[in-house]
Protein backbone atom coordinates (compact mmCIF):
# COMPACT_ATOMS: atom_id res chain seq x y z
CA MET A 1 67.63 61.87 58.43
CA LYS A 2 67.99 59.56 61.12
CA HIS A 3 69.35 61.12 64.51
CA VAL A 4 71.81 59.26 66.79
CA ILE A 5 69.73 61.07 69.55
CA GLN A 6 66.05 60.29 69.10
CA SER A 7 64.21 61.23 72.24
CA PRO A 8 63.39 64.72 73.24
CA VAL A 9 63.96 63.81 76.56
CA THR A 10 67.44 62.80 75.89
CA ILE A 11 68.25 66.26 74.50
CA TRP A 12 66.63 68.15 77.15
CA ALA A 13 69.03 65.86 79.65
CA ILE A 14 72.06 66.83 77.61
CA LEU A 15 70.99 70.56 77.81
CA VAL A 16 70.64 70.21 81.76
CA VAL A 17 73.90 68.64 82.15
CA ALA A 18 75.20 71.57 79.76
CA THR A 19 73.78 73.93 81.85
CA LEU A 20 75.07 72.25 85.19
CA ALA A 21 78.60 72.35 83.55
CA SER A 22 78.42 76.13 82.93
CA TYR A 23 77.48 76.84 86.27
CA LEU A 24 80.27 74.35 87.58
CA PHE A 25 82.70 76.29 85.35
CA GLN A 26 81.51 79.58 87.08
CA LEU A 27 81.86 77.99 90.50
CA GLU A 28 85.61 77.26 89.75
CA ALA A 29 86.30 80.74 87.82
CA MET A 30 88.41 81.67 90.85
CA LYS A 31 90.71 79.01 90.44
CA PHE A 32 91.62 79.34 86.60
CA ASP A 33 91.83 82.09 84.34
CA PRO A 34 88.77 83.81 84.01
CA ARG A 35 89.03 84.26 80.02
CA ILE A 36 89.72 80.34 79.66
CA VAL A 37 86.33 79.86 82.04
CA GLY A 38 84.18 82.70 80.39
CA SER A 39 85.39 80.84 76.73
CA ALA A 40 84.11 77.66 78.20
CA ILE A 41 80.98 78.86 79.06
CA LEU A 42 80.39 80.64 75.67
CA VAL A 43 81.35 77.16 74.04
CA ILE A 44 78.70 75.37 75.94
CA ALA A 45 76.12 78.33 75.32
CA PHE A 46 76.48 77.95 71.43
CA PHE A 47 76.58 74.15 71.72
CA LYS A 48 73.08 74.48 73.33
CA VAL A 49 71.85 76.95 70.80
CA ARG A 50 72.84 74.95 68.02
CA LEU A 51 71.37 71.62 69.62
CA ILE A 52 68.09 73.68 70.34
CA GLY A 53 68.01 74.95 66.74
CA LEU A 54 68.72 71.53 65.16
CA ARG A 55 66.29 69.24 67.42
CA TYR A 56 63.62 71.37 68.86
CA MET A 57 63.25 73.84 65.71
CA GLU A 58 63.55 71.18 63.31
CA ILE A 59 66.50 72.74 61.32
CA ASP A 60 68.06 69.54 60.76
CA GLU A 61 65.00 68.44 58.64
CA ALA A 62 65.04 71.57 56.69
CA ILE A 63 66.25 72.00 53.45
CA LEU A 64 70.40 72.08 53.10
CA PRO A 65 70.77 75.83 52.36
CA LEU A 66 68.69 76.74 55.38
CA ARG A 67 70.82 74.22 57.79
CA LEU A 68 73.83 75.32 56.27
CA ALA A 69 72.98 79.17 57.00
CA PHE A 70 72.12 78.19 60.57
CA GLU A 71 74.93 76.10 61.28
CA ALA A 72 77.28 79.30 59.57
CA TRP A 73 75.51 81.74 61.65
CA VAL A 74 76.06 80.00 65.07
CA PHE A 75 79.74 79.25 64.02
CA ALA A 76 80.45 82.93 62.84
CA VAL A 77 78.43 84.24 66.10
CA ALA A 78 80.18 82.40 68.45
CA ILE A 79 83.67 83.13 67.07
CA ALA A 80 82.86 86.74 67.01
CA LEU A 81 81.77 87.00 70.65
CA LEU A 82 84.86 84.84 71.44
CA THR A 83 87.36 87.04 69.91
CA LEU A 84 85.59 90.15 71.43
CA PHE A 85 85.75 88.38 74.77
CA TRP A 86 89.52 87.63 74.80
CA ILE A 87 90.14 91.20 73.18
CA ALA A 88 88.22 92.88 76.04
CA GLY A 89 89.74 90.52 78.55
């Protein structure tokens, strides 16, 4: 499978930017609804989980059922945590 992003350094840079974005969201938490800020941080975290799984663990090169299982797991856990976060908040 041909990737749009080829270099591991590019992936690392995207992960660093996502981490900094999470940190900046946390700094601005007092100006916005904490549930929205927390949700944004969780979405960024699961974007990072997916990126690491697909590229560094090479799940994007795995057989289709394994990739679909991973994608479904990331989606299901993200939705479950976001739902619990909003219910508890």
